[in-house]
Protein backbone atom coordinates (compact mmCIF):
# COMPACT_ATOMS: atom_id res chain seq x y z
CA MET A 1 7.74 24.55 -50.92
CA LYS A 2 7.43 24.63 -47.06
CA THR A 3 6.41 20.95 -45.42
CA LYS A 4 3.16 22.82 -43.84
CA THR A 5 2.27 24.30 -47.29
CA GLY A 6 2.85 20.52 -49.01
CA PHE A 7 0.96 19.37 -46.60
CA LEU A 8 -2.28 21.43 -47.32
CA LEU A 9 -2.21 20.89 -50.49
CA CYS A 10 -1.90 17.19 -50.74
CA LEU A 11 -4.94 17.27 -48.20
CA MET A 12 -6.93 20.04 -50.66
CA MET A 13 -6.58 17.52 -53.25
CA PHE A 14 -7.10 14.10 -51.08
CA LEU A 15 -10.25 16.11 -50.43
CA GLN A 16 -11.23 17.56 -53.73
CA TYR A 17 -11.34 14.46 -55.44
CA PHE A 18 -13.05 11.97 -52.68
CA ILE A 19 -16.04 14.49 -52.91
CA TRP A 20 -16.34 13.72 -56.55
CA SER A 21 -15.93 10.26 -56.18
CA ALA A 22 -18.52 9.47 -53.10
CA TRP A 23 -21.25 10.55 -54.88
CA TYR A 24 -20.20 10.57 -59.07
CA VAL A 25 -19.46 6.77 -58.99
CA THR A 26 -22.64 5.01 -57.70
CA MET A 27 -25.64 8.15 -58.64
CA SER A 28 -27.07 5.71 -61.64
CA THR A 29 -27.65 3.17 -58.98
CA TYR A 30 -29.15 5.56 -56.44
CA MET A 31 -30.98 6.98 -59.27
CA LYS A 32 -32.62 3.40 -60.19
CA VAL A 33 -33.27 2.39 -56.68
CA HIS A 34 -34.76 5.56 -54.90
CA LEU A 35 -35.69 7.95 -58.30
CA GLY A 36 -36.91 4.84 -60.17
CA ALA A 37 -35.23 6.75 -62.80
CA SER A 38 -35.44 6.08 -66.40
CA ASP A 39 -31.91 5.55 -68.26
CA ASP A 40 -32.58 8.83 -70.34
CA ALA A 41 -32.78 10.34 -66.88
CA ILE A 42 -29.44 8.65 -65.36
CA GLY A 43 -28.00 10.19 -68.94
CA LEU A 44 -28.99 13.53 -68.44
CA ALA A 45 -27.91 13.71 -65.07
CA TYR A 46 -24.03 12.44 -65.70
CA GLY A 47 -24.69 15.05 -68.67
CA ALA A 48 -24.97 17.87 -65.80
CA LEU A 49 -21.02 17.65 -65.01
CA ALA A 50 -20.78 17.81 -68.70
CA LEU A 51 -22.33 20.83 -69.65
CA ALA A 52 -20.87 22.48 -66.25
CA THR A 53 -17.10 21.48 -67.31
CA MET A 54 -18.52 23.72 -70.51
CA ILE A 55 -19.70 26.60 -68.59
CA SER A 56 -16.91 26.47 -65.62
CA PRO A 57 -13.78 28.25 -67.91
CA PHE A 58 -15.99 31.52 -68.75
CA PHE A 59 -16.47 31.94 -64.65
CA ILE A 60 -12.97 30.67 -63.88
CA GLY A 61 -11.53 33.03 -66.68
CA LEU A 62 -13.19 36.26 -67.16
CA ILE A 63 -14.60 36.63 -63.57
CA ALA A 64 -12.95 34.31 -60.59
CA ASP A 65 -8.86 34.41 -61.92
CA ARG A 66 -9.10 38.75 -62.18
CA PHE A 67 -11.18 39.74 -58.95
CA PHE A 68 -11.11 36.93 -55.92
CA ALA A 69 -8.36 35.13 -54.18
CA ALA A 70 -8.71 31.62 -55.53
CA GLN A 71 -8.27 29.52 -51.58
CA ARG A 72 -11.57 31.93 -50.59
CA LEU A 73 -13.29 31.48 -53.42
CA MET A 74 -12.91 27.80 -53.62
CA GLY A 75 -14.12 27.68 -49.90
CA ILE A 76 -17.58 29.25 -50.77
CA LEU A 77 -18.15 27.46 -53.59
CA HIS A 78 -17.60 23.70 -51.30
CA LEU A 79 -19.72 25.35 -48.52
CA LEU A 80 -22.70 26.52 -51.15
CA GLY A 81 -22.05 22.48 -52.90
CA ALA A 82 -22.36 21.21 -49.26
CA GLY A 83 -26.04 22.47 -49.40
CA MET A 84 -26.88 21.55 -52.92
CA LEU A 85 -25.64 18.00 -51.83
CA LEU A 86 -27.62 17.59 -48.73
CA LEU A 87 -30.65 18.82 -51.23
CA ALA A 88 -30.14 16.45 -53.71
CA THR A 89 -31.14 13.52 -50.76
CA LYS A 90 -34.71 15.31 -50.65
CA ILE A 91 -35.30 15.06 -53.93
CA THR A 92 -37.96 12.46 -55.09
CA ASP A 93 -38.50 13.82 -58.79
CA ASN A 94 -36.06 12.97 -61.28
CA SER A 95 -36.39 16.43 -63.71
CA VAL A 96 -35.70 18.50 -59.97
CA PHE A 97 -33.07 15.83 -58.90
CA PHE A 98 -31.36 16.79 -63.13
CA TRP A 99 -31.29 20.37 -62.23
CA VAL A 100 -30.12 20.18 -58.01
CA ILE A 101 -27.25 18.02 -59.81
CA LEU A 102 -26.77 20.22 -62.45
CA VAL A 103 -26.34 23.22 -60.26
CA TYR A 104 -23.97 21.67 -57.83
CA SER A 105 -21.91 20.68 -60.88
CA LEU A 106 -21.65 24.40 -62.03
CA LEU A 107 -20.82 24.77 -58.07
CA TYR A 108 -17.98 22.00 -58.17
CA MET A 109 -16.52 22.12 -61.55
CA PRO A 110 -14.57 25.38 -61.37
CA THR A 111 -12.92 24.09 -58.24
CA ILE A 112 -11.05 21.60 -60.02
CA ALA A 113 -9.67 24.80 -61.45
CA LEU A 114 -9.05 26.55 -58.80
CA SER A 115 -7.49 23.66 -56.59
CA ASN A 116 -4.35 23.68 -59.62
CA SER A 117 -4.07 27.48 -59.45
CA ILE A 118 -3.94 26.89 -55.60
CA ALA A 119 -1.48 24.43 -56.35
CA PHE A 120 0.98 25.70 -59.31
CA HIS A 121 1.01 29.38 -57.12
CA GLN A 122 2.98 27.31 -54.27
CA MET A 123 5.20 25.51 -56.73
CA THR A 124 9.20 26.34 -57.64
CA ASP A 125 9.36 23.40 -59.69
CA PRO A 126 5.76 22.32 -60.64
CA GLY A 127 7.00 19.90 -63.34
CA LYS A 128 8.36 18.09 -60.27
CA GLN A 129 6.60 18.93 -57.71
CA PHE A 130 2.67 18.95 -59.14
CA PRO A 131 2.49 15.25 -59.65
CA TRP A 132 3.01 14.55 -56.49
CA ILE A 133 0.34 16.56 -54.70
CA ARG A 134 -2.19 15.65 -57.70
CA VAL A 135 -1.61 12.26 -56.95
CA PHE A 136 -3.27 12.56 -53.48
CA GLY A 137 -6.32 13.53 -55.62
CA THR A 138 -6.55 10.18 -57.09
CA ILE A 139 -5.90 8.40 -53.23
CA GLY A 140 -9.11 10.18 -52.26
CA TRP A 141 -11.25 9.17 -55.05
CA ILE A 142 -10.47 5.40 -53.81
CA ILE A 143 -10.63 5.64 -50.61
CA ALA A 144 -14.06 7.33 -50.93
CA GLY A 145 -14.79 3.75 -52.96
CA LEU A 146 -13.34 2.11 -50.21
CA PHE A 147 -15.56 3.45 -47.74
CA ILE A 148 -19.16 3.51 -49.36
CA ALA A 149 -18.20 -0.72 -50.49
CA ARG A 150 -17.13 -1.06 -46.57
CA LEU A 151 -20.06 0.56 -45.67
CA ASP A 152 -22.87 -1.13 -48.30
CA ILE A 153 -24.22 2.40 -49.04
CA GLY A 154 -23.84 2.30 -52.92
CA ALA A 155 -27.48 2.40 -53.13
CA THR A 156 -28.57 5.03 -50.59
CA SER A 157 -28.47 8.84 -50.26
CA SER A 158 -26.01 8.44 -47.72
CA THR A 159 -22.99 9.00 -50.47
CA PHE A 160 -24.23 12.51 -51.13
CA ILE A 161 -24.40 13.03 -47.34
CA MET A 162 -21.03 11.73 -47.07
CA ALA A 163 -19.96 14.26 -50.25
CA ALA A 164 -21.40 16.91 -48.42
CA ALA A 165 -19.97 16.57 -45.39
CA VAL A 166 -16.64 16.40 -46.84
CA SER A 167 -17.39 19.67 -49.19
CA ALA A 168 -18.16 21.67 -46.09
CA GLY A 169 -14.73 20.50 -44.81
CA LEU A 170 -13.03 21.31 -47.21
CA GLY A 171 -14.62 24.42 -47.77
CA ILE A 172 -13.37 25.43 -44.03
CA ILE A 173 -9.83 24.20 -44.82
CA SER A 174 -9.97 25.86 -48.11
CA PHE A 175 -10.00 29.50 -46.12
CA ILE A 176 -6.57 28.38 -45.02
CA LEU A 177 -4.92 27.09 -47.29
CA PRO A 178 -1.54 29.48 -49.12
CA ASP A 179 -3.16 32.97 -50.25
CA THR A 180 -3.42 32.87 -54.51
CA PRO A 181 -4.10 36.19 -54.63
CA PRO A 182 -6.43 37.29 -58.01
CA LYS A 183 -4.79 38.67 -61.37
CA GLY A 184 -6.48 41.91 -61.36
CA LYS A 185 -8.60 43.83 -63.56
CA SER A 186 -5.90 44.27 -66.04
CA ALA A 187 -5.48 40.73 -66.70
CA ASP A 188 -6.09 39.65 -70.52
CA ALA A 189 -9.49 38.12 -70.13
CA SER A 190 -12.12 37.09 -73.06
CA ALA A 191 -14.72 34.40 -73.89
CA GLY A 192 -12.92 33.52 -76.16
CA LYS A 193 -9.45 33.15 -74.32
CA ALA A 194 -11.25 31.45 -71.72
CA LEU A 195 -12.66 28.81 -74.38
CA GLY A 196 -9.03 28.40 -75.90
CA VAL A 197 -10.29 29.71 -79.37
CA GLU A 198 -6.78 31.45 -80.02
CA ALA A 199 -5.54 27.38 -80.01
CA LEU A 200 -7.97 26.40 -82.93
CA VAL A 201 -4.89 27.04 -85.21
CA LEU A 202 -4.18 23.73 -83.85
CA PHE A 203 -6.64 22.45 -86.71
CA LYS A 204 -4.48 23.39 -89.74
CA ASP A 205 -2.54 20.56 -88.47
CA LYS A 206 -4.17 17.41 -90.33
CA PRO A 207 -3.23 15.44 -87.50
CA TYR A 208 -4.01 16.84 -85.05
CA LEU A 209 -7.42 17.86 -86.11
CA ILE A 210 -7.95 13.92 -86.81
CA PHE A 211 -7.18 13.07 -83.38
CA PHE A 212 -9.05 16.41 -82.26
CA ILE A 213 -12.30 14.95 -83.57
CA ALA A 214 -11.47 10.97 -82.67
CA ALA A 215 -11.29 12.50 -78.65
CA ILE A 216 -14.77 14.05 -78.93
CA LEU A 217 -15.97 10.71 -80.19
CA VAL A 218 -13.88 8.52 -77.96
CA CYS A 219 -15.95 10.62 -74.90
CA ILE A 220 -19.20 8.31 -76.37
CA PRO A 221 -17.48 5.06 -75.15
CA LEU A 222 -16.34 7.05 -71.84
CA SER A 223 -19.76 7.91 -71.14
CA PHE A 224 -21.30 4.22 -71.10
CA TYR A 225 -18.60 3.92 -68.33
CA TYR A 226 -18.65 6.52 -66.20
CA GLY A 227 -22.78 6.51 -66.18
CA PHE A 228 -23.47 2.47 -66.39
CA ALA A 229 -20.89 0.94 -64.76
CA ASN A 230 -21.89 0.50 -61.60
CA LEU A 231 -25.29 0.06 -62.08
CA PHE A 232 -24.49 -2.60 -64.53
CA LEU A 233 -21.82 -4.07 -61.81
CA THR A 234 -24.76 -4.10 -59.17
CA GLU A 235 -27.68 -5.77 -61.46
CA SER A 236 -25.13 -8.59 -62.05
CA GLY A 237 -24.60 -9.41 -58.48
CA MET A 238 -21.46 -8.07 -57.96
CA LYS A 239 -21.28 -6.92 -54.20
CA GLU A 240 -19.39 -3.80 -53.06
CA SER A 241 -19.12 -2.66 -56.74
CA ALA A 242 -17.90 0.70 -55.97
CA GLY A 243 -14.84 -0.62 -53.70
CA LYS A 244 -14.11 -3.13 -57.07
CA MET A 245 -14.22 -0.27 -59.22
CA ILE A 246 -11.62 1.69 -57.46
CA LEU A 247 -9.26 -1.17 -59.27
CA GLY A 248 -9.78 1.52 -62.27
CA GLN A 249 -8.21 4.33 -60.48
CA VAL A 250 -5.33 1.93 -59.02
CA SER A 251 -4.75 1.12 -62.54
CA GLU A 252 -4.67 4.47 -63.74
CA ALA A 253 -2.12 5.59 -60.94
CA VAL A 254 -0.18 2.47 -62.31
CA PHE A 255 0.17 2.90 -65.88
CA ILE A 256 0.34 6.76 -65.68
CA ILE A 257 3.86 6.41 -64.71
CA ALA A 258 5.02 4.28 -68.11
CA ILE A 259 3.53 7.15 -70.07
CA PRO A 260 6.66 9.60 -70.63
CA PHE A 261 8.52 6.93 -71.47
CA LEU A 262 6.11 4.88 -73.88
CA PHE A 263 5.63 8.51 -75.32
CA ASN A 264 9.15 9.21 -76.81
CA THR A 265 10.06 5.40 -77.41
CA ILE A 266 6.64 3.94 -79.52
CA GLY A 267 5.26 7.54 -80.51
CA VAL A 268 1.62 9.17 -80.04
CA LYS A 269 0.25 7.41 -82.33
CA LYS A 270 0.83 3.45 -80.93
CA MET A 271 0.06 4.51 -77.84
CA LEU A 272 -3.20 6.98 -79.17
CA LEU A 273 -4.09 2.83 -80.71
CA LEU A 274 -3.65 1.30 -77.62
CA GLY A 275 -5.77 3.42 -75.93
CA MET A 276 -8.93 2.83 -78.30
CA ALA A 277 -8.19 -1.23 -78.75
CA ALA A 278 -8.31 -1.04 -74.29
CA TRP A 279 -12.09 0.56 -74.68
CA ILE A 280 -12.90 -2.02 -77.30
CA LEU A 281 -11.42 -5.00 -75.22
CA ARG A 282 -13.20 -3.58 -71.68
CA TYR A 283 -17.22 -3.64 -73.49
CA VAL A 284 -16.14 -7.05 -74.82
CA ALA A 285 -15.24 -7.99 -71.26
CA PHE A 286 -18.42 -6.36 -69.48
CA ALA A 287 -20.83 -7.91 -72.24
CA PHE A 288 -19.68 -10.89 -72.23
CA GLY A 289 -18.27 -11.11 -68.15
CA ASN A 290 -20.97 -12.28 -65.40
CA ILE A 291 -20.52 -12.91 -62.01
CA ASP A 292 -20.61 -16.54 -61.71
CA THR A 293 -18.04 -18.65 -64.51
CA ASN A 294 -16.36 -15.16 -66.19
CA VAL A 295 -16.63 -12.87 -62.98
CA TRP A 296 -12.50 -12.34 -63.93
CA MET A 297 -13.77 -10.34 -67.62
CA LEU A 298 -15.59 -7.89 -65.22
CA TYR A 299 -12.60 -7.59 -63.16
CA ALA A 300 -10.21 -7.08 -66.51
CA GLY A 301 -12.81 -4.67 -67.82
CA ILE A 302 -12.58 -2.56 -64.39
CA ILE A 303 -8.76 -2.55 -64.64
CA LEU A 304 -8.42 -1.80 -68.32
CA HIS A 305 -9.50 1.66 -66.95
CA GLY A 306 -6.07 2.92 -66.77
CA VAL A 307 -4.98 1.55 -70.30
CA CYS A 308 -8.33 3.43 -71.37
CA TYR A 309 -7.90 6.67 -70.01
CA ASP A 310 -4.00 7.33 -69.28
CA PHE A 311 -3.28 6.19 -72.87
CA PHE A 312 -5.56 8.32 -74.72
CA PHE A 313 -6.40 10.99 -72.56
CA VAL A 314 -3.63 11.61 -70.08
CA THR A 315 -1.31 11.18 -74.11
CA GLY A 316 -4.03 13.55 -75.38
CA TYR A 317 -2.99 16.08 -73.32
CA MET A 318 0.65 15.48 -74.03
CA TYR A 319 0.14 15.61 -77.81
CA THR A 320 -1.88 18.62 -77.42
CA GLU A 321 0.88 20.44 -75.46
CA LYS A 322 3.87 19.38 -77.57
CA LYS A 323 1.78 20.39 -80.62
CA ALA A 324 0.44 23.52 -79.68
CA GLY A 325 4.03 25.09 -78.03
CA GLU A 326 4.97 27.41 -75.17
CA LYS A 327 2.61 29.92 -76.81
CA ILE A 328 -0.80 28.72 -76.89
CA LYS A 329 0.06 25.44 -74.63
CA ASN A 330 -2.74 26.40 -71.92
CA ALA A 331 -4.91 27.75 -74.51
CA ALA A 332 -5.00 24.62 -76.47
CA GLN A 333 -5.20 22.46 -73.03
CA GLY A 334 -8.20 24.10 -72.33
CA LEU A 335 -9.49 24.06 -76.13
CA PHE A 336 -9.10 20.17 -75.48
CA THR A 337 -10.85 20.02 -72.09
CA PHE A 338 -13.77 21.87 -73.41
CA ALA A 339 -14.31 19.59 -75.99
CA THR A 340 -13.75 16.14 -74.52
CA TYR A 341 -15.30 16.62 -70.78
CA GLY A 342 -17.83 19.07 -72.06
CA VAL A 343 -19.03 19.01 -75.63
CA GLY A 344 -17.80 14.89 -76.32
CA MET A 345 -19.47 14.19 -72.86
CA VAL A 346 -22.88 16.15 -73.37
CA ILE A 347 -23.12 13.92 -76.72
CA GLY A 348 -22.08 10.54 -75.02
CA THR A 349 -24.31 10.94 -71.57
CA TRP A 350 -26.93 11.72 -73.67
CA PHE A 351 -26.73 8.43 -76.21
CA SER A 352 -25.71 6.18 -73.47
CA GLY A 353 -28.73 6.97 -71.65
CA LYS A 354 -31.05 6.57 -74.76
CA THR A 355 -29.19 3.18 -75.37
CA ALA A 356 -29.51 1.51 -72.06
CA GLY A 357 -33.69 2.78 -72.06
CA MET A 358 -33.82 0.47 -75.50
CA TYR A 359 -32.33 -2.25 -73.83
CA THR A 360 -34.61 -2.02 -70.78
CA LEU A 361 -36.25 -5.49 -69.95
CA SER A 362 -39.39 -6.08 -68.30
CA THR A 363 -38.15 -8.52 -65.73
CA ILE A 364 -36.98 -7.47 -62.17
CA ASN A 365 -33.77 -7.82 -61.50
CA ALA A 366 -33.36 -9.39 -57.71
CA PHE A 367 -30.45 -7.05 -56.41
CA THR A 368 -32.20 -3.32 -57.40
CA GLY A 369 -35.83 -4.26 -57.32
CA LYS A 370 -36.08 -2.17 -60.76
CA ASN A 371 -36.25 -3.35 -64.45
CA ASP A 372 -33.23 -5.32 -65.77
CA HIS A 373 -31.35 -4.32 -68.90
CA ASN A 374 -30.01 -6.41 -71.69
CA TRP A 375 -26.40 -5.44 -70.93
CA VAL A 376 -24.96 -7.41 -73.83
CA ASN A 377 -26.23 -5.69 -75.99
CA ILE A 378 -25.68 -2.17 -74.52
CA TRP A 379 -21.93 -2.66 -74.20
CA LEU A 380 -21.87 -4.06 -77.74
CA VAL A 381 -22.94 -0.44 -78.94
CA PRO A 382 -19.63 1.46 -77.32
CA VAL A 383 -17.67 -1.80 -79.03
CA TYR A 384 -18.57 -0.87 -82.52
CA ILE A 385 -18.24 2.58 -81.82
CA ALA A 386 -14.44 2.55 -80.56
CA ILE A 387 -14.17 -0.18 -83.25
CA ALA A 388 -15.52 2.64 -85.79
CA VAL A 389 -13.24 5.27 -84.69
CA LEU A 390 -10.16 2.78 -84.35
CA LEU A 391 -10.62 2.48 -87.88
CA TYR A 392 -11.11 5.94 -88.96
CA PHE A 393 -7.97 6.86 -86.69
CA ILE A 394 -5.71 3.98 -88.36
CA LEU A 395 -6.53 4.98 -91.70
CA PHE A 396 -6.29 8.79 -91.00
CA PHE A 397 -3.84 9.86 -88.46
CA ARG A 398 -0.23 10.33 -89.72
CA GLU A 399 2.04 11.33 -87.60
CA LYS A 400 5.63 11.68 -87.11
CA LYS A 401 7.03 9.57 -84.11
CA LYS A 402 8.90 12.96 -83.16
CA VAL A 403 5.79 15.24 -82.21
CA HIS A 404 6.13 18.50 -83.86
CA VAL A 405 5.23 21.91 -83.02
CA ALA A 406 1.96 22.69 -85.43
CA GLY A 407 2.92 25.47 -88.46
CA GLU A 408 7.09 24.48 -87.53
């Protein structure tokens, strides 16, 4: 790969995930402070991205890959997305805000797959080269959080404006990215293929079916973190909470290095169990932590993100690939993403919003000026769910230390 090509791909990944981090992490706080949003409305807004995750495979698999150069399509989507992000700052009604975020998410989510396609198309050895390109996405996410914290704009519309500016910039830059031509009308495409339906054969393998169900259920605790962690930390009195939350991404980047080694040494079951146990510890830390005597518990809950995410979801992607084998691995990954970040997150964002709404208090929070929450009771709900999933997994999951392809 040429140096210029590598630089452009790194810049693309950096900006791609900078945009996501800039508006997504603090949206709950913004909605609570500026829109007076209910917790149900916040849950629905975060669910918009999950809905887009379910729909985008159709767009990419049936249309984009076949008829349009990936870099040009990505440029158009990011330019349109910039307009939607700016529009979001003008909205004062929660119902309208949801639809704006949904339309934006439908524009943004396909660019994740497009950016990966552009990167892979230029690589001679994706296994070695892609991680070094993709890590700049994590760096972009972290830098966005630092900017928000340093500028103290986490509860303002400036986060959307910043995301819009970077989206417009990436939209323009996309037109000079390395060419990734369309596959053409003759490419094998169907709704079933886009969703990875051919990978349903994996469900004949009982260990994988048990894991797949657990993965959907674990998305419920995950949704609590994505939707309400920033609001919780802000209400708790943590200053520059968005900047503190990037410790979770730092942790994610550190722990991911250990995954290939642990996957082959302790086995997939122990790694998945560690990931689920980390979810329990994280929410216990949030439930009983505070900004005064137990602030270390708040930081522990943030830093545990690396174990929570890497040891379950990254390991899950690796497990899925090994189970599927070469023939259906792409379909299997698509199905896993659709089920977790689509179906699982739709359920989780709705449920987390309902739960937070149940424990809204009449007292006014000193830091947001809005109704406070009984966060102990809120965080204990995902604790109980994670415990239930852990017990289910221990009782029913039976996989050999060395994973075999399903059907062999």
